[in-house]
PDB file of N, CA and C in Angstrom:
ATOM      1  N   MET A   1     -63.027 -51.437  -2.383  1.00  0.00           N
ATOM      2  CA  MET A   1     -64.039 -52.401  -2.763  1.00  0.00           C
ATOM      3  C   MET A   1     -64.145 -52.468  -4.269  1.00  0.00           C
ATOM      4  N   GLY A   2     -64.102 -51.348  -4.973  1.00  0.00           N
ATOM      5  CA  GLY A   2     -64.045 -51.361  -6.421  1.00  0.00           C
ATOM      6  C   GLY A   2     -65.357 -51.512  -7.152  1.00  0.00           C
ATOM      7  N   LEU A   3     -66.412 -50.833  -6.720  1.00  0.00           N
ATOM      8  CA  LEU A   3     -67.653 -50.850  -7.494  1.00  0.00           C
ATOM      9  C   LEU A   3     -67.484 -50.014  -8.753  1.00  0.00           C
ATOM     10  N   SER A   4     -68.112 -50.447  -9.830  1.00  0.00           N
ATOM     11  CA  SER A   4     -68.099 -49.642 -11.053  1.00  0.00           C
ATOM     12  C   SER A   4     -68.998 -48.423 -10.830  1.00  0.00           C
ATOM     13  N   PRO A   5     -68.860 -47.402 -11.660  1.00  0.00           N
ATOM     14  CA  PRO A   5     -69.749 -46.242 -11.517  1.00  0.00           C
ATOM     15  C   PRO A   5     -71.229 -46.619 -11.607  1.00  0.00           C
ATOM     16  N   GLY A   6     -71.576 -47.542 -12.493  1.00  0.00           N
ATOM     17  CA  GLY A   6     -72.964 -47.967 -12.627  1.00  0.00           C
ATOM     18  C   GLY A   6     -73.466 -48.700 -11.394  1.00  0.00           C
ATOM     19  N   GLN A   7     -72.628 -49.548 -10.834  1.00  0.00           N
ATOM     20  CA  GLN A   7     -72.999 -50.271  -9.622  1.00  0.00           C
ATOM     21  C   GLN A   7     -73.181 -49.312  -8.453  1.00  0.00           C
ATOM     22  N   PHE A   8     -72.279 -48.343  -8.354  1.00  0.00           N
ATOM     23  CA  PHE A   8     -72.375 -47.360  -7.275  1.00  0.00           C
ATOM     24  C   PHE A   8     -73.654 -46.530  -7.419  1.00  0.00           C
ATOM     25  N   THR A   9     -73.983 -46.135  -8.641  1.00  0.00           N
ATOM     26  CA  THR A   9     -75.221 -45.386  -8.888  1.00  0.00           C
ATOM     27  C   THR A   9     -76.433 -46.220  -8.521  1.00  0.00           C
ATOM     28  N   ALA A  10     -76.430 -47.486  -8.902  1.00  0.00           N
ATOM     29  CA  ALA A  10     -77.536 -48.379  -8.561  1.00  0.00           C
ATOM     30  C   ALA A  10     -77.667 -48.521  -7.044  1.00  0.00           C
ATOM     31  N   LEU A  11     -76.542 -48.626  -6.359  1.00  0.00           N
ATOM     32  CA  LEU A  11     -76.557 -48.756  -4.906  1.00  0.00           C
ATOM     33  C   LEU A  11     -77.121 -47.489  -4.261  1.00  0.00           C
ATOM     34  N   ARG A  12     -76.713 -46.335  -4.760  1.00  0.00           N
ATOM     35  CA  ARG A  12     -77.263 -45.062  -4.247  1.00  0.00           C
ATOM     36  C   ARG A  12     -78.758 -44.984  -4.509  1.00  0.00           C
ATOM     37  N   ASN A  13     -79.190 -45.409  -5.692  1.00  0.00           N
ATOM     38  CA  ASN A  13     -80.617 -45.394  -6.009  1.00  0.00           C
ATOM     39  C   ASN A  13     -81.401 -46.329  -5.092  1.00  0.00           C
ATOM     40  N   LEU A  14     -80.850 -47.490  -4.794  1.00  0.00           N
ATOM     41  CA  LEU A  14     -81.523 -48.419  -3.897  1.00  0.00           C
ATOM     42  C   LEU A  14     -81.630 -47.850  -2.483  1.00  0.00           C
ATOM     43  N   ALA A  15     -80.586 -47.148  -2.041  1.00  0.00           N
ATOM     44  CA  ALA A  15     -80.633 -46.514  -0.719  1.00  0.00           C
ATOM     45  C   ALA A  15     -81.693 -45.422  -0.692  1.00  0.00           C
ATOM     46  N   SER A  16     -81.767 -44.642  -1.756  1.00  0.00           N
ATOM     47  CA  SER A  16     -82.775 -43.584  -1.839  1.00  0.00           C
ATOM     48  C   SER A  16     -84.180 -44.172  -1.881  1.00  0.00           C
ATOM     49  N   LYS A  17     -84.339 -45.261  -2.614  1.00  0.00           N
ATOM     50  CA  LYS A  17     -85.631 -45.943  -2.694  1.00  0.00           C
ATOM     51  C   LYS A  17     -86.065 -46.432  -1.316  1.00  0.00           C
ATOM     52  N   GLN A  18     -85.126 -47.017  -0.573  1.00  0.00           N
ATOM     53  CA  GLN A  18     -85.432 -47.515   0.768  1.00  0.00           C
ATOM     54  C   GLN A  18     -85.847 -46.373   1.693  1.00  0.00           C
ATOM     55  N   ALA A  19     -85.266 -45.196   1.486  1.00  0.00           N
ATOM     56  CA  ALA A  19     -85.589 -44.033   2.311  1.00  0.00           C
ATOM     57  C   ALA A  19     -86.895 -43.369   1.877  1.00  0.00           C
ATOM     58  N   GLY A  20     -87.527 -43.901   0.830  1.00  0.00           N
ATOM     59  CA  GLY A  20     -88.802 -43.370   0.373  1.00  0.00           C
ATOM     60  C   GLY A  20     -88.702 -42.332  -0.720  1.00  0.00           C
ATOM     61  N   GLY A  21     -87.494 -42.137  -1.239  1.00  0.00           N
ATOM     62  CA  GLY A  21     -87.294 -41.154  -2.297  1.00  0.00           C
ATOM     63  C   GLY A  21     -87.657 -41.697  -3.671  1.00  0.00           C
ATOM     64  N   ASP A  22     -87.850 -40.773  -4.585  1.00  0.00           N
ATOM     65  CA  ASP A  22     -88.061 -41.151  -5.977  1.00  0.00           C
ATOM     66  C   ASP A  22     -86.702 -41.482  -6.574  1.00  0.00           C
ATOM     67  N   VAL A  23     -86.642 -42.555  -7.333  1.00  0.00           N
ATOM     68  CA  VAL A  23     -85.368 -42.965  -7.922  1.00  0.00           C
ATOM     69  C   VAL A  23     -85.508 -43.175  -9.419  1.00  0.00           C
ATOM     70  N   ASP A  24     -84.385 -43.034 -10.079  1.00  0.00           N
ATOM     71  CA  ASP A  24     -84.291 -43.325 -11.495  1.00  0.00           C
ATOM     72  C   ASP A  24     -84.323 -44.845 -11.646  1.00  0.00           C
ATOM     73  N   TRP A  25     -84.366 -45.327 -12.871  1.00  0.00           N
ATOM     74  CA  TRP A  25     -84.351 -46.763 -13.108  1.00  0.00           C
ATOM     75  C   TRP A  25     -83.030 -47.352 -12.631  1.00  0.00           C
ATOM     76  N   ILE A  26     -83.047 -48.638 -12.344  1.00  0.00           N
ATOM     77  CA  ILE A  26     -81.859 -49.339 -11.879  1.00  0.00           C
ATOM     78  C   ILE A  26     -81.478 -50.370 -12.935  1.00  0.00           C
ATOM     79  N   ASN A  27     -80.257 -50.287 -13.408  1.00  0.00           N
ATOM     80  CA  ASN A  27     -79.748 -51.194 -14.422  1.00  0.00           C
ATOM     81  C   ASN A  27     -79.729 -52.618 -13.865  1.00  0.00           C
ATOM     82  N   ILE A  28     -80.359 -53.540 -14.571  1.00  0.00           N
ATOM     83  CA  ILE A  28     -80.481 -54.920 -14.098  1.00  0.00           C
ATOM     84  C   ILE A  28     -79.111 -55.575 -13.934  1.00  0.00           C
ATOM     85  N   GLY A  29     -78.215 -55.335 -14.864  1.00  0.00           N
ATOM     86  CA  GLY A  29     -76.877 -55.918 -14.763  1.00  0.00           C
ATOM     87  C   GLY A  29     -76.144 -55.431 -13.521  1.00  0.00           C
ATOM     88  N   ASP A  30     -76.267 -54.142 -13.237  1.00  0.00           N
ATOM     89  CA  ASP A  30     -75.634 -53.591 -12.033  1.00  0.00           C
ATOM     90  C   ASP A  30     -76.292 -54.156 -10.774  1.00  0.00           C
ATOM     91  N   ALA A  31     -77.616 -54.256 -10.785  1.00  0.00           N
ATOM     92  CA  ALA A  31     -78.329 -54.797  -9.627  1.00  0.00           C
ATOM     93  C   ALA A  31     -77.958 -56.267  -9.396  1.00  0.00           C
ATOM     94  N   ARG A  32     -77.807 -57.030 -10.455  1.00  0.00           N
ATOM     95  CA  ARG A  32     -77.407 -58.443 -10.314  1.00  0.00           C
ATOM     96  C   ARG A  32     -75.999 -58.548  -9.736  1.00  0.00           C
ATOM     97  N   ALA A  33     -75.110 -57.673 -10.183  1.00  0.00           N
ATOM     98  CA  ALA A  33     -73.747 -57.671  -9.647  1.00  0.00           C
ATOM     99  C   ALA A  33     -73.764 -57.312  -8.162  1.00  0.00           C
ATOM    100  N   LEU A  34     -74.607 -56.353  -7.780  1.00  0.00           N
ATOM    101  CA  LEU A  34     -74.724 -55.990  -6.369  1.00  0.00           C
ATOM    102  C   LEU A  34     -75.278 -57.159  -5.555  1.00  0.00           C
ATOM    103  N   THR A  35     -76.201 -57.910  -6.141  1.00  0.00           N
ATOM    104  CA  THR A  35     -76.754 -59.080  -5.469  1.00  0.00           C
ATOM    105  C   THR A  35     -75.662 -60.129  -5.252  1.00  0.00           C
ATOM    106  N   ALA A  36     -74.831 -60.341  -6.259  1.00  0.00           N
ATOM    107  CA  ALA A  36     -73.736 -61.312  -6.139  1.00  0.00           C
ATOM    108  C   ALA A  36     -72.749 -60.905  -5.044  1.00  0.00           C
ATOM    109  N   LEU A  37     -72.603 -59.603  -4.832  1.00  0.00           N
ATOM    110  CA  LEU A  37     -71.709 -59.099  -3.791  1.00  0.00           C
ATOM    111  C   LEU A  37     -72.377 -59.070  -2.412  1.00  0.00           C
ATOM    112  N   GLY A  38     -73.678 -59.310  -2.376  1.00  0.00           N
ATOM    113  CA  GLY A  38     -74.411 -59.274  -1.117  1.00  0.00           C
ATOM    114  C   GLY A  38     -74.903 -57.891  -0.737  1.00  0.00           C
ATOM    115  N   PHE A  39     -74.839 -56.937  -1.680  1.00  0.00           N
ATOM    116  CA  PHE A  39     -75.223 -55.559  -1.395  1.00  0.00           C
ATOM    117  C   PHE A  39     -76.677 -55.259  -1.733  1.00  0.00           C
ATOM    118  N   ALA A  40     -77.331 -56.169  -2.433  1.00  0.00           N
ATOM    119  CA  ALA A  40     -78.736 -56.001  -2.807  1.00  0.00           C
ATOM    120  C   ALA A  40     -79.394 -57.372  -2.835  1.00  0.00           C
ATOM    121  N   GLU A  41     -80.712 -57.361  -2.781  1.00  0.00           N
ATOM    122  CA  GLU A  41     -81.468 -58.601  -2.927  1.00  0.00           C
ATOM    123  C   GLU A  41     -82.690 -58.319  -3.781  1.00  0.00           C
ATOM    124  N   ARG A  42     -83.201 -59.367  -4.394  1.00  0.00           N
ATOM    125  CA  ARG A  42     -84.347 -59.245  -5.289  1.00  0.00           C
ATOM    126  C   ARG A  42     -85.530 -59.955  -4.660  1.00  0.00           C
ATOM    127  N   SER A  43     -86.670 -59.287  -4.671  1.00  0.00           N
ATOM    128  CA  SER A  43     -87.903 -59.892  -4.172  1.00  0.00           C
ATOM    129  C   SER A  43     -89.012 -59.591  -5.163  1.00  0.00           C
ATOM    130  N   ARG A  44     -90.212 -60.003  -4.849  1.00  0.00           N
ATOM    131  CA  ARG A  44     -91.351 -59.719  -5.728  1.00  0.00           C
ATOM    132  C   ARG A  44     -91.598 -58.222  -5.862  1.00  0.00           C
ATOM    133  N   GLU A  45     -91.215 -57.469  -4.842  1.00  0.00           N
ATOM    134  CA  GLU A  45     -91.416 -56.018  -4.863  1.00  0.00           C
ATOM    135  C   GLU A  45     -90.314 -55.279  -5.615  1.00  0.00           C
ATOM    136  N   GLY A  46     -89.254 -55.964  -5.981  1.00  0.00           N
ATOM    137  CA  GLY A  46     -88.160 -55.337  -6.715  1.00  0.00           C
ATOM    138  C   GLY A  46     -86.847 -55.471  -5.971  1.00  0.00           C
ATOM    139  N   TRP A  47     -85.886 -54.662  -6.375  1.00  0.00           N
ATOM    140  CA  TRP A  47     -84.557 -54.707  -5.778  1.00  0.00           C
ATOM    141  C   TRP A  47     -84.565 -53.934  -4.467  1.00  0.00           C
ATOM    142  N   LYS A  48     -83.779 -54.423  -3.497  1.00  0.00           N
ATOM    143  CA  LYS A  48     -83.691 -53.799  -2.188  1.00  0.00           C
ATOM    144  C   LYS A  48     -82.248 -53.817  -1.726  1.00  0.00           C
ATOM    145  N   ILE A  49     -81.787 -52.716  -1.153  1.00  0.00           N
ATOM    146  CA  ILE A  49     -80.430 -52.659  -0.611  1.00  0.00           C
ATOM    147  C   ILE A  49     -80.374 -53.473   0.673  1.00  0.00           C
ATOM    148  N   THR A  50     -79.247 -54.121   0.928  1.00  0.00           N
ATOM    149  CA  THR A  50     -79.053 -54.888   2.156  1.00  0.00           C
ATOM    150  C   THR A  50     -78.252 -54.041   3.143  1.00  0.00           C
ATOM    151  N   ALA A  51     -78.115 -54.540   4.362  1.00  0.00           N
ATOM    152  CA  ALA A  51     -77.292 -53.847   5.366  1.00  0.00           C
ATOM    153  C   ALA A  51     -75.847 -53.735   4.879  1.00  0.00           C
ATOM    154  N   ALA A  52     -75.352 -54.781   4.228  1.00  0.00           N
ATOM    155  CA  ALA A  52     -73.991 -54.742   3.681  1.00  0.00           C
ATOM    156  C   ALA A  52     -73.878 -53.679   2.589  1.00  0.00           C
ATOM    157  N   GLY A  53     -74.925 -53.522   1.795  1.00  0.00           N
ATOM    158  CA  GLY A  53     -74.932 -52.495   0.760  1.00  0.00           C
ATOM    159  C   GLY A  53     -74.923 -51.095   1.348  1.00  0.00           C
ATOM    160  N   THR A  54     -75.660 -50.905   2.426  1.00  0.00           N
ATOM    161  CA  THR A  54     -75.670 -49.606   3.098  1.00  0.00           C
ATOM    162  C   THR A  54     -74.282 -49.272   3.626  1.00  0.00           C
ATOM    163  N   GLU A  55     -73.620 -50.253   4.219  1.00  0.00           N
ATOM    164  CA  GLU A  55     -72.256 -50.038   4.715  1.00  0.00           C
ATOM    165  C   GLU A  55     -71.285 -49.766   3.575  1.00  0.00           C
ATOM    166  N   ALA A  56     -71.421 -50.497   2.486  1.00  0.00           N
ATOM    167  CA  ALA A  56     -70.540 -50.307   1.336  1.00  0.00           C
ATOM    168  C   ALA A  56     -70.700 -48.900   0.767  1.00  0.00           C
ATOM    169  N   LEU A  57     -71.908 -48.399   0.783  1.00  0.00           N
ATOM    170  CA  LEU A  57     -72.177 -47.055   0.268  1.00  0.00           C
ATOM    171  C   LEU A  57     -71.453 -46.013   1.102  1.00  0.00           C
ATOM    172  N   LYS A  58     -71.345 -46.241   2.390  1.00  0.00           N
ATOM    173  CA  LYS A  58     -70.654 -45.317   3.292  1.00  0.00           C
ATOM    174  C   LYS A  58     -69.145 -45.345   3.073  1.00  0.00           C
ATOM    175  N   LEU A  59     -68.625 -46.505   2.668  1.00  0.00           N
ATOM    176  CA  LEU A  59     -67.183 -46.698   2.610  1.00  0.00           C
ATOM    177  C   LEU A  59     -66.523 -46.391   1.282  1.00  0.00           C
ATOM    178  N   ASP A  60     -67.271 -46.480   0.199  1.00  0.00           N
ATOM    179  CA  ASP A  60     -66.598 -46.456  -1.099  1.00  0.00           C
ATOM    180  C   ASP A  60     -67.420 -45.764  -2.160  1.00  0.00           C
ATOM    181  N   GLY A  61     -66.735 -45.292  -3.167  1.00  0.00           N
ATOM    182  CA  GLY A  61     -67.356 -44.742  -4.358  1.00  0.00           C
ATOM    183  C   GLY A  61     -66.954 -45.586  -5.540  1.00  0.00           C
ATOM    184  N   PRO A  62     -67.314 -45.147  -6.751  1.00  0.00           N
ATOM    185  CA  PRO A  62     -66.939 -45.908  -7.938  1.00  0.00           C
ATOM    186  C   PRO A  62     -65.429 -46.024  -8.066  1.00  0.00           C
ATOM    187  N   SER A  63     -64.959 -47.138  -8.595  1.00  0.00           N
ATOM    188  CA  SER A  63     -63.529 -47.413  -8.650  1.00  0.00           C
ATOM    189  C   SER A  63     -62.756 -46.476  -9.573  1.00  0.00           C
ATOM    190  N   ASP A  64     -63.417 -45.843 -10.540  1.00  0.00           N
ATOM    191  CA  ASP A  64     -62.677 -44.949 -11.435  1.00  0.00           C
ATOM    192  C   ASP A  64     -62.807 -43.484 -11.032  1.00  0.00           C
ATOM    193  N   GLU A  65     -63.374 -43.235  -9.863  1.00  0.00           N
ATOM    194  CA  GLU A  65     -63.503 -41.865  -9.382  1.00  0.00           C
ATOM    195  C   GLU A  65     -62.170 -41.412  -8.814  1.00  0.00           C
ATOM    196  N   ALA A  66     -61.734 -40.248  -9.223  1.00  0.00           N
ATOM    197  CA  ALA A  66     -60.472 -39.716  -8.730  1.00  0.00           C
ATOM    198  C   ALA A  66     -60.603 -39.347  -7.259  1.00  0.00           C
ATOM    199  N   PRO A  67     -59.536 -39.486  -6.483  1.00  0.00           N
ATOM    200  CA  PRO A  67     -59.585 -39.092  -5.072  1.00  0.00           C
ATOM    201  C   PRO A  67     -59.990 -37.631  -4.952  1.00  0.00           C
ATOM    202  N   GLY A  68     -60.890 -37.359  -4.030  1.00  0.00           N
ATOM    203  CA  GLY A  68     -61.322 -35.976  -3.828  1.00  0.00           C
ATOM    204  C   GLY A  68     -62.371 -35.514  -4.819  1.00  0.00           C
ATOM    205  N   ALA A  69     -62.847 -36.404  -5.695  1.00  0.00           N
ATOM    206  CA  ALA A  69     -63.812 -35.996  -6.715  1.00  0.00           C
ATOM    207  C   ALA A  69     -65.247 -36.308  -6.321  1.00  0.00           C
ATOM    208  N   ALA A  70     -65.472 -36.545  -5.041  1.00  0.00           N
ATOM    209  CA  ALA A  70     -66.819 -36.883  -4.580  1.00  0.00           C
ATOM    210  C   ALA A  70     -67.764 -35.720  -4.807  1.00  0.00           C
ATOM    211  N   GLU A  71     -69.027 -36.061  -5.073  1.00  0.00           N
ATOM    212  CA  GLU A  71     -70.035 -35.024  -5.294  1.00  0.00           C
ATOM    213  C   GLU A  71     -70.283 -34.280  -4.002  1.00  0.00           C
ATOM    214  N   THR A  72     -70.505 -33.008  -4.130  1.00  0.00           N
ATOM    215  CA  THR A  72     -70.893 -32.212  -2.973  1.00  0.00           C
ATOM    216  C   THR A  72     -72.182 -31.509  -3.308  1.00  0.00           C
ATOM    217  N   SER A  73     -72.992 -31.279  -2.284  1.00  0.00           N
ATOM    218  CA  SER A  73     -74.241 -30.568  -2.522  1.00  0.00           C
ATOM    219  C   SER A  73     -74.154 -29.213  -1.869  1.00  0.00           C
ATOM    220  N   SER A  74     -74.872 -28.272  -2.445  1.00  0.00           N
ATOM    221  CA  SER A  74     -74.811 -26.916  -1.895  1.00  0.00           C
ATOM    222  C   SER A  74     -75.987 -26.628  -1.025  1.00  0.00           C
TER     223      SER A  74
END
């Protein structure tokens, strides 16, 4: 899919926000790009991840991430 690192971070933040978590700020340029891709939408309440965005988050990471370099939690 080829999301930039910033777009991927914004998408993760939107997913966390939807789940009720505290999130860092979301870059407007990244959020607009996600909206153009159909992965986010803008409303009066702010940015929201779409079903397509949730699926994209499951399938892909940032385009410049090396294979096998995914974050792991302990």
